[in-house]
Amino acid sequence: MSGSAQASRFNPYWLLVAPAVLVVLALYVAPIANVLFLSVTDPKPGLGNYYRIFESDTVANLIIRTIRLCLITTVFSVILGYVVAYAMIHALSHVRQRMMAILLVSFWISVLVRSFAWMMLLGHNGLVNNTLMASGLISDPLPLMRNEFGVLVGMTEYMVPYAILPLLANMQGIDPQLASASRSLGASRAQTFFRVYLPLTRPGIIAASLLVFITSLGFYVTPAILGGGKVQMIAEYISVQLLVTVRWGTAAMLATLMIASVLAMMYVLNRFMKLSAVFGGARS
């Protein structure tokens, strides 16, 4: 009887997803578990690698710099993305289609190509400095590269399209009659935007901020090229620890911190609202 009950509780549809589960375990879970293992065993067992966060000024400053750059990138990317998404929603149909085409094309351009393009623009002999010097506004080239400014410009430019998509998906679900009703009740355009429209786009803002911040944590190429080795972030530092100094334990510790940070942000967000609603899924 109990055997038949257990058989009745078994869902045969799990057999359909079993190969995918095995692939995920082999390609994702196992490597992550290996990273966690290395962080507490190399060069010797214990939490010595994690103590470096408090003992080493280099590691502490690296983490602080990475978080600061990611936060600034998130703020500017979401603001610019919000403006573009708002313009797309209120544009004519054919104009919106062209803007969407340009947005999608931007995803096909390699981050390496973008970084070299910014080098041509922001370098000492780049287009920006040459134009300013030719117009007489400056006498010497401005330091627009090999510093945090150049890194922030490159990161923000790359992340704006990622901010636009969740904002656009959110704005498309807002009933335009709400703004009309607000205006008919005597509210000004500014009051309608700040009291009606902006609160309704909060899920999109949260989704865009989360997506941009999490993606920015793993930036490697842009800081390495536009920072010129002077603005090191966690991903580049991990690469140095693996390939140059061969400190696998330190690299694994930093990778573990990044994974834990992403999971913690997703958990906190899920405590306050459904992730499916934030990223444009169905609302119950």
C-alpha atoms as a PDB file:
ATOM      1  CA  MET A   1       0.000   0.000   0.000  1.00  0.00           C
ATOM      2  CA  SER A   2       2.758   2.354   0.939  1.00  0.00           C
ATOM      3  CA  GLY A   3       4.650   1.389  -2.219  1.00  0.00           C
ATOM      4  CA  SER A   4       1.650   2.233  -4.388  1.00  0.00           C
ATOM      5  CA  ALA A   5       1.233   5.527  -2.530  1.00  0.00           C
ATOM      6  CA  GLN A   6       4.868   6.406  -3.176  1.00  0.00           C
ATOM      7  CA  ALA A   7       4.467   5.466  -6.827  1.00  0.00           C
ATOM      8  CA  SER A   8       1.400   7.674  -7.100  1.00  0.00           C
ATOM      9  CA  ARG A   9       3.355  10.588  -5.641  1.00  0.00           C
ATOM     10  CA  PHE A  10       6.151  10.197  -8.203  1.00  0.00           C
ATOM     11  CA  ASN A  11       5.748  12.632 -11.078  1.00  0.00           C
ATOM     12  CA  PRO A  12       7.059  11.118 -14.344  1.00  0.00           C
ATOM     13  CA  TYR A  13       7.517  14.600 -15.835  1.00  0.00           C
ATOM     14  CA  TRP A  14      10.657  14.981 -13.706  1.00  0.00           C
ATOM     15  CA  LEU A  15      12.299  12.512 -16.098  1.00  0.00           C
ATOM     16  CA  LEU A  16      11.982  15.118 -18.872  1.00  0.00           C
ATOM     17  CA  VAL A  17      14.014  17.714 -16.991  1.00  0.00           C
ATOM     18  CA  ALA A  18      16.490  15.249 -15.468  1.00  0.00           C
ATOM     19  CA  PRO A  19      19.071  15.653 -18.324  1.00  0.00           C
ATOM     20  CA  ALA A  20      18.958  19.442 -17.976  1.00  0.00           C
ATOM     21  CA  VAL A  21      19.366  19.165 -14.197  1.00  0.00           C
ATOM     22  CA  LEU A  22      22.397  16.913 -14.652  1.00  0.00           C
ATOM     23  CA  VAL A  23      23.951  19.375 -17.111  1.00  0.00           C
ATOM     24  CA  VAL A  24      23.418  22.273 -14.690  1.00  0.00           C
ATOM     25  CA  LEU A  25      24.948  20.255 -11.847  1.00  0.00           C
ATOM     26  CA  ALA A  26      27.962  19.304 -13.941  1.00  0.00           C
ATOM     27  CA  LEU A  27      28.642  22.667 -15.595  1.00  0.00           C
ATOM     28  CA  TYR A  28      27.572  25.134 -12.886  1.00  0.00           C
ATOM     29  CA  VAL A  29      27.095  23.645  -9.445  1.00  0.00           C
ATOM     30  CA  ALA A  30      30.246  21.504  -9.455  1.00  0.00           C
ATOM     31  CA  PRO A  31      32.609  24.359 -10.533  1.00  0.00           C
ATOM     32  CA  ILE A  32      31.049  26.718  -7.977  1.00  0.00           C
ATOM     33  CA  ALA A  33      31.465  24.082  -5.269  1.00  0.00           C
ATOM     34  CA  ASN A  34      35.105  23.714  -6.317  1.00  0.00           C
ATOM     35  CA  VAL A  35      35.600  27.491  -5.991  1.00  0.00           C
ATOM     36  CA  LEU A  36      34.108  27.410  -2.498  1.00  0.00           C
ATOM     37  CA  PHE A  37      36.397  24.496  -1.609  1.00  0.00           C
ATOM     38  CA  LEU A  38      39.512  26.281  -2.865  1.00  0.00           C
ATOM     39  CA  SER A  39      38.663  29.442  -0.912  1.00  0.00           C
ATOM     40  CA  VAL A  40      38.984  27.564   2.397  1.00  0.00           C
ATOM     41  CA  THR A  41      41.739  25.059   1.532  1.00  0.00           C
ATOM     42  CA  ASP A  42      44.357  26.923  -0.541  1.00  0.00           C
ATOM     43  CA  PRO A  43      47.124  27.517   0.458  1.00  0.00           C
ATOM     44  CA  LYS A  44      46.100  25.835   3.742  1.00  0.00           C
ATOM     45  CA  PRO A  45      42.767  24.845   5.335  1.00  0.00           C
ATOM     46  CA  GLY A  46      40.956  27.577   7.233  1.00  0.00           C
ATOM     47  CA  LEU A  47      39.505  31.045   6.746  1.00  0.00           C
ATOM     48  CA  GLY A  48      42.835  32.753   6.177  1.00  0.00           C
ATOM     49  CA  ASN A  49      41.832  33.961   2.722  1.00  0.00           C
ATOM     50  CA  TYR A  50      38.736  35.671   4.130  1.00  0.00           C
ATOM     51  CA  TYR A  51      40.770  37.315   6.901  1.00  0.00           C
ATOM     52  CA  ARG A  52      42.661  39.125   4.137  1.00  0.00           C
ATOM     53  CA  ILE A  53      39.600  41.340   3.644  1.00  0.00           C
ATOM     54  CA  PHE A  54      40.307  42.890   7.049  1.00  0.00           C
ATOM     55  CA  GLU A  55      44.084  42.483   7.129  1.00  0.00           C
ATOM     56  CA  SER A  56      45.000  43.613   3.608  1.00  0.00           C
ATOM     57  CA  ASP A  57      44.375  47.230   2.613  1.00  0.00           C
ATOM     58  CA  THR A  58      44.777  46.228  -1.023  1.00  0.00           C
ATOM     59  CA  VAL A  59      41.870  43.765  -0.955  1.00  0.00           C
ATOM     60  CA  ALA A  60      39.665  46.063   1.143  1.00  0.00           C
ATOM     61  CA  ASN A  61      40.279  49.055  -1.160  1.00  0.00           C
ATOM     62  CA  LEU A  62      39.665  46.832  -4.172  1.00  0.00           C
ATOM     63  CA  ILE A  63      36.246  45.763  -2.892  1.00  0.00           C
ATOM     64  CA  ILE A  64      35.299  49.330  -1.927  1.00  0.00           C
ATOM     65  CA  ARG A  65      36.390  50.667  -5.333  1.00  0.00           C
ATOM     66  CA  THR A  66      34.441  47.972  -7.180  1.00  0.00           C
ATOM     67  CA  ILE A  67      31.248  48.638  -5.218  1.00  0.00           C
ATOM     68  CA  ARG A  68      31.615  52.394  -5.661  1.00  0.00           C
ATOM     69  CA  LEU A  69      32.146  52.195  -9.419  1.00  0.00           C
ATOM     70  CA  CYS A  70      29.256  49.745  -9.811  1.00  0.00           C
ATOM     71  CA  LEU A  71      26.918  51.990  -7.813  1.00  0.00           C
ATOM     72  CA  ILE A  72      27.841  55.086  -9.837  1.00  0.00           C
ATOM     73  CA  THR A  73      27.466  53.127 -13.071  1.00  0.00           C
ATOM     74  CA  THR A  74      24.067  51.875 -11.931  1.00  0.00           C
ATOM     75  CA  VAL A  75      22.809  55.372 -11.082  1.00  0.00           C
ATOM     76  CA  PHE A  76      23.846  56.948 -14.386  1.00  0.00           C
ATOM     77  CA  SER A  77      22.795  53.940 -16.478  1.00  0.00           C
ATOM     78  CA  VAL A  78      19.321  53.810 -14.941  1.00  0.00           C
ATOM     79  CA  ILE A  79      18.817  57.573 -15.288  1.00  0.00           C
ATOM     80  CA  LEU A  80      19.875  57.562 -18.938  1.00  0.00           C
ATOM     81  CA  GLY A  81      17.954  54.344 -19.575  1.00  0.00           C
ATOM     82  CA  TYR A  82      14.827  55.822 -18.011  1.00  0.00           C
ATOM     83  CA  VAL A  83      15.000  58.874 -20.279  1.00  0.00           C
ATOM     84  CA  VAL A  84      15.461  56.736 -23.395  1.00  0.00           C
ATOM     85  CA  ALA A  85      12.719  54.262 -22.417  1.00  0.00           C
ATOM     86  CA  TYR A  86      10.321  57.126 -21.646  1.00  0.00           C
ATOM     87  CA  ALA A  87      11.059  58.686 -25.039  1.00  0.00           C
ATOM     88  CA  MET A  88      10.511  55.340 -26.801  1.00  0.00           C
ATOM     89  CA  ILE A  89       7.148  54.790 -25.101  1.00  0.00           C
ATOM     90  CA  HIS A  90       5.872  58.218 -26.144  1.00  0.00           C
ATOM     91  CA  ALA A  91       7.389  58.202 -29.641  1.00  0.00           C
ATOM     92  CA  LEU A  92       5.515  57.436 -32.840  1.00  0.00           C
ATOM     93  CA  SER A  93       5.344  53.789 -33.852  1.00  0.00           C
ATOM     94  CA  HIS A  94       7.896  53.972 -36.695  1.00  0.00           C
ATOM     95  CA  VAL A  95      10.288  56.036 -34.579  1.00  0.00           C
ATOM     96  CA  ARG A  96       9.987  53.518 -31.726  1.00  0.00           C
ATOM     97  CA  GLN A  97      10.814  50.674 -34.107  1.00  0.00           C
ATOM     98  CA  ARG A  98      13.961  52.446 -35.293  1.00  0.00           C
ATOM     99  CA  MET A  99      15.023  53.174 -31.723  1.00  0.00           C
ATOM    100  CA  MET A 100      14.464  49.528 -30.806  1.00  0.00           C
ATOM    101  CA  ALA A 101      16.552  48.415 -33.797  1.00  0.00           C
ATOM    102  CA  ILE A 102      19.425  50.661 -32.704  1.00  0.00           C
ATOM    103  CA  LEU A 103      19.089  49.335 -29.152  1.00  0.00           C
ATOM    104  CA  LEU A 104      19.282  45.707 -30.304  1.00  0.00           C
ATOM    105  CA  VAL A 105      22.252  46.395 -32.586  1.00  0.00           C
ATOM    106  CA  SER A 106      24.176  47.756 -29.579  1.00  0.00           C
ATOM    107  CA  PHE A 107      24.076  44.284 -27.994  1.00  0.00           C
ATOM    108  CA  TRP A 108      25.968  42.852 -30.971  1.00  0.00           C
ATOM    109  CA  ILE A 109      28.968  45.173 -30.566  1.00  0.00           C
ATOM    110  CA  SER A 110      31.783  43.576 -28.592  1.00  0.00           C
ATOM    111  CA  VAL A 111      32.813  45.180 -25.321  1.00  0.00           C
ATOM    112  CA  LEU A 112      36.402  45.062 -26.616  1.00  0.00           C
ATOM    113  CA  VAL A 113      35.467  47.075 -29.706  1.00  0.00           C
ATOM    114  CA  ARG A 114      33.606  49.600 -27.558  1.00  0.00           C
ATOM    115  CA  SER A 115      36.549  50.018 -25.223  1.00  0.00           C
ATOM    116  CA  PHE A 116      38.962  50.665 -28.089  1.00  0.00           C
ATOM    117  CA  ALA A 117      36.473  53.138 -29.568  1.00  0.00           C
ATOM    118  CA  TRP A 118      36.455  55.051 -26.280  1.00  0.00           C
ATOM    119  CA  MET A 119      40.262  55.038 -26.346  1.00  0.00           C
ATOM    120  CA  MET A 120      40.127  56.820 -29.688  1.00  0.00           C
ATOM    121  CA  LEU A 121      37.690  59.356 -28.260  1.00  0.00           C
ATOM    122  CA  LEU A 122      39.130  59.979 -24.793  1.00  0.00           C
ATOM    123  CA  GLY A 123      42.876  59.575 -25.392  1.00  0.00           C
ATOM    124  CA  HIS A 124      45.385  62.438 -25.200  1.00  0.00           C
ATOM    125  CA  ASN A 125      45.255  62.683 -28.991  1.00  0.00           C
ATOM    126  CA  GLY A 126      41.636  61.557 -29.161  1.00  0.00           C
ATOM    127  CA  LEU A 127      38.727  63.281 -30.813  1.00  0.00           C
ATOM    128  CA  VAL A 128      37.465  64.947 -27.621  1.00  0.00           C
ATOM    129  CA  ASN A 129      40.797  66.508 -26.617  1.00  0.00           C
ATOM    130  CA  ASN A 130      41.677  67.503 -30.173  1.00  0.00           C
ATOM    131  CA  THR A 131      38.304  69.191 -30.613  1.00  0.00           C
ATOM    132  CA  LEU A 132      38.574  71.087 -27.318  1.00  0.00           C
ATOM    133  CA  MET A 133      42.135  72.189 -28.054  1.00  0.00           C
ATOM    134  CA  ALA A 134      41.248  73.259 -31.609  1.00  0.00           C
ATOM    135  CA  SER A 135      38.366  75.367 -30.276  1.00  0.00           C
ATOM    136  CA  GLY A 136      40.659  77.047 -27.751  1.00  0.00           C
ATOM    137  CA  LEU A 137      38.763  75.838 -24.693  1.00  0.00           C
ATOM    138  CA  ILE A 138      41.800  74.011 -23.279  1.00  0.00           C
ATOM    139  CA  SER A 139      45.546  74.312 -23.847  1.00  0.00           C
ATOM    140  CA  ASP A 140      46.600  70.845 -22.647  1.00  0.00           C
ATOM    141  CA  PRO A 141      44.868  67.491 -23.119  1.00  0.00           C
ATOM    142  CA  LEU A 142      42.467  66.500 -20.337  1.00  0.00           C
ATOM    143  CA  PRO A 143      43.129  63.239 -18.440  1.00  0.00           C
ATOM    144  CA  LEU A 144      40.015  61.412 -19.639  1.00  0.00           C
ATOM    145  CA  MET A 145      41.556  57.935 -19.614  1.00  0.00           C
ATOM    146  CA  ARG A 146      43.585  55.723 -17.289  1.00  0.00           C
ATOM    147  CA  ASN A 147      41.454  56.896 -14.380  1.00  0.00           C
ATOM    148  CA  GLU A 148      38.036  56.238 -12.860  1.00  0.00           C
ATOM    149  CA  PHE A 149      36.363  58.749 -15.168  1.00  0.00           C
ATOM    150  CA  GLY A 150      37.269  56.785 -18.289  1.00  0.00           C
ATOM    151  CA  VAL A 151      36.210  53.505 -16.678  1.00  0.00           C
ATOM    152  CA  LEU A 152      32.846  54.970 -15.628  1.00  0.00           C
ATOM    153  CA  VAL A 153      32.209  56.342 -19.123  1.00  0.00           C
ATOM    154  CA  GLY A 154      32.897  52.970 -20.723  1.00  0.00           C
ATOM    155  CA  MET A 155      30.903  50.991 -18.168  1.00  0.00           C
ATOM    156  CA  THR A 156      27.909  53.335 -18.286  1.00  0.00           C
ATOM    157  CA  GLU A 157      27.797  53.347 -22.081  1.00  0.00           C
ATOM    158  CA  TYR A 158      27.837  49.548 -22.122  1.00  0.00           C
ATOM    159  CA  MET A 159      25.164  49.134 -19.429  1.00  0.00           C
ATOM    160  CA  VAL A 160      22.578  51.680 -20.632  1.00  0.00           C
ATOM    161  CA  PRO A 161      20.911  49.200 -23.053  1.00  0.00           C
ATOM    162  CA  TYR A 162      20.612  46.683 -20.201  1.00  0.00           C
ATOM    163  CA  ALA A 163      18.796  49.325 -18.155  1.00  0.00           C
ATOM    164  CA  ILE A 164      16.469  50.283 -20.995  1.00  0.00           C
ATOM    165  CA  LEU A 165      14.943  46.840 -21.565  1.00  0.00           C
ATOM    166  CA  PRO A 166      13.378  46.209 -18.104  1.00  0.00           C
ATOM    167  CA  LEU A 167      12.280  49.851 -17.898  1.00  0.00           C
ATOM    168  CA  LEU A 168      10.680  49.624 -21.326  1.00  0.00           C
ATOM    169  CA  ALA A 169       8.905  46.377 -20.432  1.00  0.00           C
ATOM    170  CA  ASN A 170       7.557  47.991 -17.266  1.00  0.00           C
ATOM    171  CA  MET A 171       6.406  51.188 -18.984  1.00  0.00           C
ATOM    172  CA  GLN A 172       4.583  49.246 -21.682  1.00  0.00           C
ATOM    173  CA  GLY A 173       2.353  47.750 -18.984  1.00  0.00           C
ATOM    174  CA  ILE A 174       1.226  51.139 -17.625  1.00  0.00           C
ATOM    175  CA  ASP A 175      -2.232  52.229 -18.727  1.00  0.00           C
ATOM    176  CA  PRO A 176      -1.869  55.616 -20.496  1.00  0.00           C
ATOM    177  CA  GLN A 177      -5.370  56.534 -19.312  1.00  0.00           C
ATOM    178  CA  LEU A 178      -4.006  56.981 -15.788  1.00  0.00           C
ATOM    179  CA  ALA A 179      -1.991  60.012 -16.858  1.00  0.00           C
ATOM    180  CA  SER A 180      -4.982  61.395 -18.732  1.00  0.00           C
ATOM    181  CA  ALA A 181      -7.164  60.939 -15.656  1.00  0.00           C
ATOM    182  CA  SER A 182      -4.600  62.738 -13.513  1.00  0.00           C
ATOM    183  CA  ARG A 183      -4.464  65.674 -15.925  1.00  0.00           C
ATOM    184  CA  SER A 184      -8.252  65.850 -16.084  1.00  0.00           C
ATOM    185  CA  LEU A 185      -8.360  66.159 -12.292  1.00  0.00           C
ATOM    186  CA  GLY A 186      -6.208  69.273 -12.407  1.00  0.00           C
ATOM    187  CA  ALA A 187      -2.703  67.890 -11.929  1.00  0.00           C
ATOM    188  CA  SER A 188       0.127  69.463 -13.884  1.00  0.00           C
ATOM    189  CA  ARG A 189       2.470  67.470 -16.108  1.00  0.00           C
ATOM    190  CA  ALA A 190       5.131  67.466 -13.403  1.00  0.00           C
ATOM    191  CA  GLN A 191       2.665  66.358 -10.712  1.00  0.00           C
ATOM    192  CA  THR A 192       1.332  63.611 -12.968  1.00  0.00           C
ATOM    193  CA  PHE A 193       4.828  62.333 -13.654  1.00  0.00           C
ATOM    194  CA  PHE A 194       6.159  62.393 -10.078  1.00  0.00           C
ATOM    195  CA  ARG A 195       2.979  61.298  -8.285  1.00  0.00           C
ATOM    196  CA  VAL A 196       1.455  58.866 -10.791  1.00  0.00           C
ATOM    197  CA  TYR A 197       3.868  57.721 -13.497  1.00  0.00           C
ATOM    198  CA  LEU A 198       7.133  57.496 -11.568  1.00  0.00           C
ATOM    199  CA  PRO A 199       5.740  55.331  -8.707  1.00  0.00           C
ATOM    200  CA  LEU A 200       4.259  52.938 -11.278  1.00  0.00           C
ATOM    201  CA  THR A 201       7.701  52.460 -12.848  1.00  0.00           C
ATOM    202  CA  ARG A 202       9.342  51.533  -9.536  1.00  0.00           C
ATOM    203  CA  PRO A 203       9.462  47.773 -10.370  1.00  0.00           C
ATOM    204  CA  GLY A 204      11.220  48.609 -13.640  1.00  0.00           C
ATOM    205  CA  ILE A 205      13.702  50.882 -11.863  1.00  0.00           C
ATOM    206  CA  ILE A 206      14.468  48.143  -9.326  1.00  0.00           C
ATOM    207  CA  ALA A 207      14.864  45.535 -12.056  1.00  0.00           C
ATOM    208  CA  ALA A 208      17.138  47.786 -14.129  1.00  0.00           C
ATOM    209  CA  SER A 209      19.238  48.724 -11.098  1.00  0.00           C
ATOM    210  CA  LEU A 210      19.616  45.108 -10.052  1.00  0.00           C
ATOM    211  CA  LEU A 211      20.543  43.947 -13.552  1.00  0.00           C
ATOM    212  CA  VAL A 212      23.065  46.741 -14.121  1.00  0.00           C
ATOM    213  CA  PHE A 213      24.716  46.408 -10.707  1.00  0.00           C
ATOM    214  CA  ILE A 214      25.081  42.628 -10.863  1.00  0.00           C
ATOM    215  CA  THR A 215      26.471  42.757 -14.401  1.00  0.00           C
ATOM    216  CA  SER A 216      28.852  45.593 -13.508  1.00  0.00           C
ATOM    217  CA  LEU A 217      30.414  43.523 -10.726  1.00  0.00           C
ATOM    218  CA  GLY A 218      31.993  41.260 -13.325  1.00  0.00           C
ATOM    219  CA  PHE A 219      33.466  43.957 -15.593  1.00  0.00           C
ATOM    220  CA  TYR A 220      36.944  43.023 -16.746  1.00  0.00           C
ATOM    221  CA  VAL A 221      37.781  44.318 -20.233  1.00  0.00           C
ATOM    222  CA  THR A 222      36.579  47.916 -19.812  1.00  0.00           C
ATOM    223  CA  PRO A 223      38.482  48.673 -16.564  1.00  0.00           C
ATOM    224  CA  ALA A 224      41.585  46.904 -17.897  1.00  0.00           C
ATOM    225  CA  ILE A 225      41.680  48.981 -21.112  1.00  0.00           C
ATOM    226  CA  LEU A 226      40.257  52.365 -20.073  1.00  0.00           C
ATOM    227  CA  GLY A 227      41.750  52.157 -16.594  1.00  0.00           C
ATOM    228  CA  GLY A 228      45.190  51.363 -17.957  1.00  0.00           C
ATOM    229  CA  GLY A 229      46.026  49.184 -14.955  1.00  0.00           C
ATOM    230  CA  LYS A 230      45.435  52.077 -12.546  1.00  0.00           C
ATOM    231  CA  VAL A 231      41.762  51.302 -11.823  1.00  0.00           C
ATOM    232  CA  GLN A 232      41.602  47.645 -10.882  1.00  0.00           C
ATOM    233  CA  MET A 233      38.301  45.952 -10.096  1.00  0.00           C
ATOM    234  CA  ILE A 234      37.579  42.528  -8.616  1.00  0.00           C
ATOM    235  CA  ALA A 235      37.399  40.627 -11.915  1.00  0.00           C
ATOM    236  CA  GLU A 236      40.770  41.949 -13.092  1.00  0.00           C
ATOM    237  CA  TYR A 237      42.328  41.307  -9.690  1.00  0.00           C
ATOM    238  CA  ILE A 238      41.069  37.706  -9.770  1.00  0.00           C
ATOM    239  CA  SER A 239      42.725  37.277 -13.169  1.00  0.00           C
ATOM    240  CA  VAL A 240      46.022  38.596 -11.779  1.00  0.00           C
ATOM    241  CA  GLN A 241      45.830  36.230  -8.805  1.00  0.00           C
ATOM    242  CA  LEU A 242      45.230  33.257 -11.109  1.00  0.00           C
ATOM    243  CA  LEU A 243      47.674  33.993 -13.923  1.00  0.00           C
ATOM    244  CA  VAL A 244      50.438  36.087 -12.378  1.00  0.00           C
ATOM    245  CA  THR A 245      50.800  35.532  -8.644  1.00  0.00           C
ATOM    246  CA  VAL A 246      49.156  32.066  -8.736  1.00  0.00           C
ATOM    247  CA  ARG A 247      47.173  32.638  -5.529  1.00  0.00           C
ATOM    248  CA  TRP A 248      44.186  30.450  -6.261  1.00  0.00           C
ATOM    249  CA  GLY A 249      42.839  30.717  -2.725  1.00  0.00           C
ATOM    250  CA  THR A 250      42.611  34.519  -2.852  1.00  0.00           C
ATOM    251  CA  ALA A 251      41.001  34.404  -6.293  1.00  0.00           C
ATOM    252  CA  ALA A 252      38.498  31.781  -5.107  1.00  0.00           C
ATOM    253  CA  MET A 253      37.686  33.867  -2.036  1.00  0.00           C
ATOM    254  CA  LEU A 254      36.899  36.952  -4.131  1.00  0.00           C
ATOM    255  CA  ALA A 255      34.844  34.879  -6.571  1.00  0.00           C
ATOM    256  CA  THR A 256      32.915  33.428  -3.633  1.00  0.00           C
ATOM    257  CA  LEU A 257      32.199  36.913  -2.312  1.00  0.00           C
ATOM    258  CA  MET A 258      30.836  37.957  -5.709  1.00  0.00           C
ATOM    259  CA  ILE A 259      28.579  34.899  -5.905  1.00  0.00           C
ATOM    260  CA  ALA A 260      27.346  35.424  -2.340  1.00  0.00           C
ATOM    261  CA  SER A 261      26.675  39.120  -3.015  1.00  0.00           C
ATOM    262  CA  VAL A 262      24.548  38.343  -6.061  1.00  0.00           C
ATOM    263  CA  LEU A 263      22.551  35.676  -4.221  1.00  0.00           C
ATOM    264  CA  ALA A 264      22.048  37.989  -1.231  1.00  0.00           C
ATOM    265  CA  MET A 265      20.732  40.801  -3.441  1.00  0.00           C
ATOM    266  CA  MET A 266      18.334  38.440  -5.172  1.00  0.00           C
ATOM    267  CA  TYR A 267      17.123  37.125  -1.804  1.00  0.00           C
ATOM    268  CA  VAL A 268      16.553  40.581  -0.321  1.00  0.00           C
ATOM    269  CA  LEU A 269      14.723  41.703  -3.445  1.00  0.00           C
ATOM    270  CA  ASN A 270      12.528  38.619  -3.382  1.00  0.00           C
ATOM    271  CA  ARG A 271      11.597  39.352   0.248  1.00  0.00           C
ATOM    272  CA  PHE A 272       9.980  42.624  -0.768  1.00  0.00           C
ATOM    273  CA  MET A 273       8.503  41.777  -4.167  1.00  0.00           C
ATOM    274  CA  LYS A 274       8.150  38.880  -6.572  1.00  0.00           C
ATOM    275  CA  LEU A 275      11.072  38.536  -8.938  1.00  0.00           C
ATOM    276  CA  SER A 276       8.698  37.501 -11.727  1.00  0.00           C
ATOM    277  CA  ALA A 277       6.899  40.843 -11.388  1.00  0.00           C
ATOM    278  CA  VAL A 278      10.135  42.804 -11.267  1.00  0.00           C
ATOM    279  CA  PHE A 279      11.444  41.296 -14.506  1.00  0.00           C
ATOM    280  CA  GLY A 280       8.184  41.589 -16.376  1.00  0.00           C
ATOM    281  CA  GLY A 281       6.655  38.209 -15.612  1.00  0.00           C
ATOM    282  CA  ALA A 282       3.002  37.461 -15.034  1.00  0.00           C
ATOM    283  CA  ARG A 283       1.401  39.071 -12.011  1.00  0.00           C
ATOM    284  CA  SER A 284      -1.035  37.125  -9.918  1.00  0.00           C
END
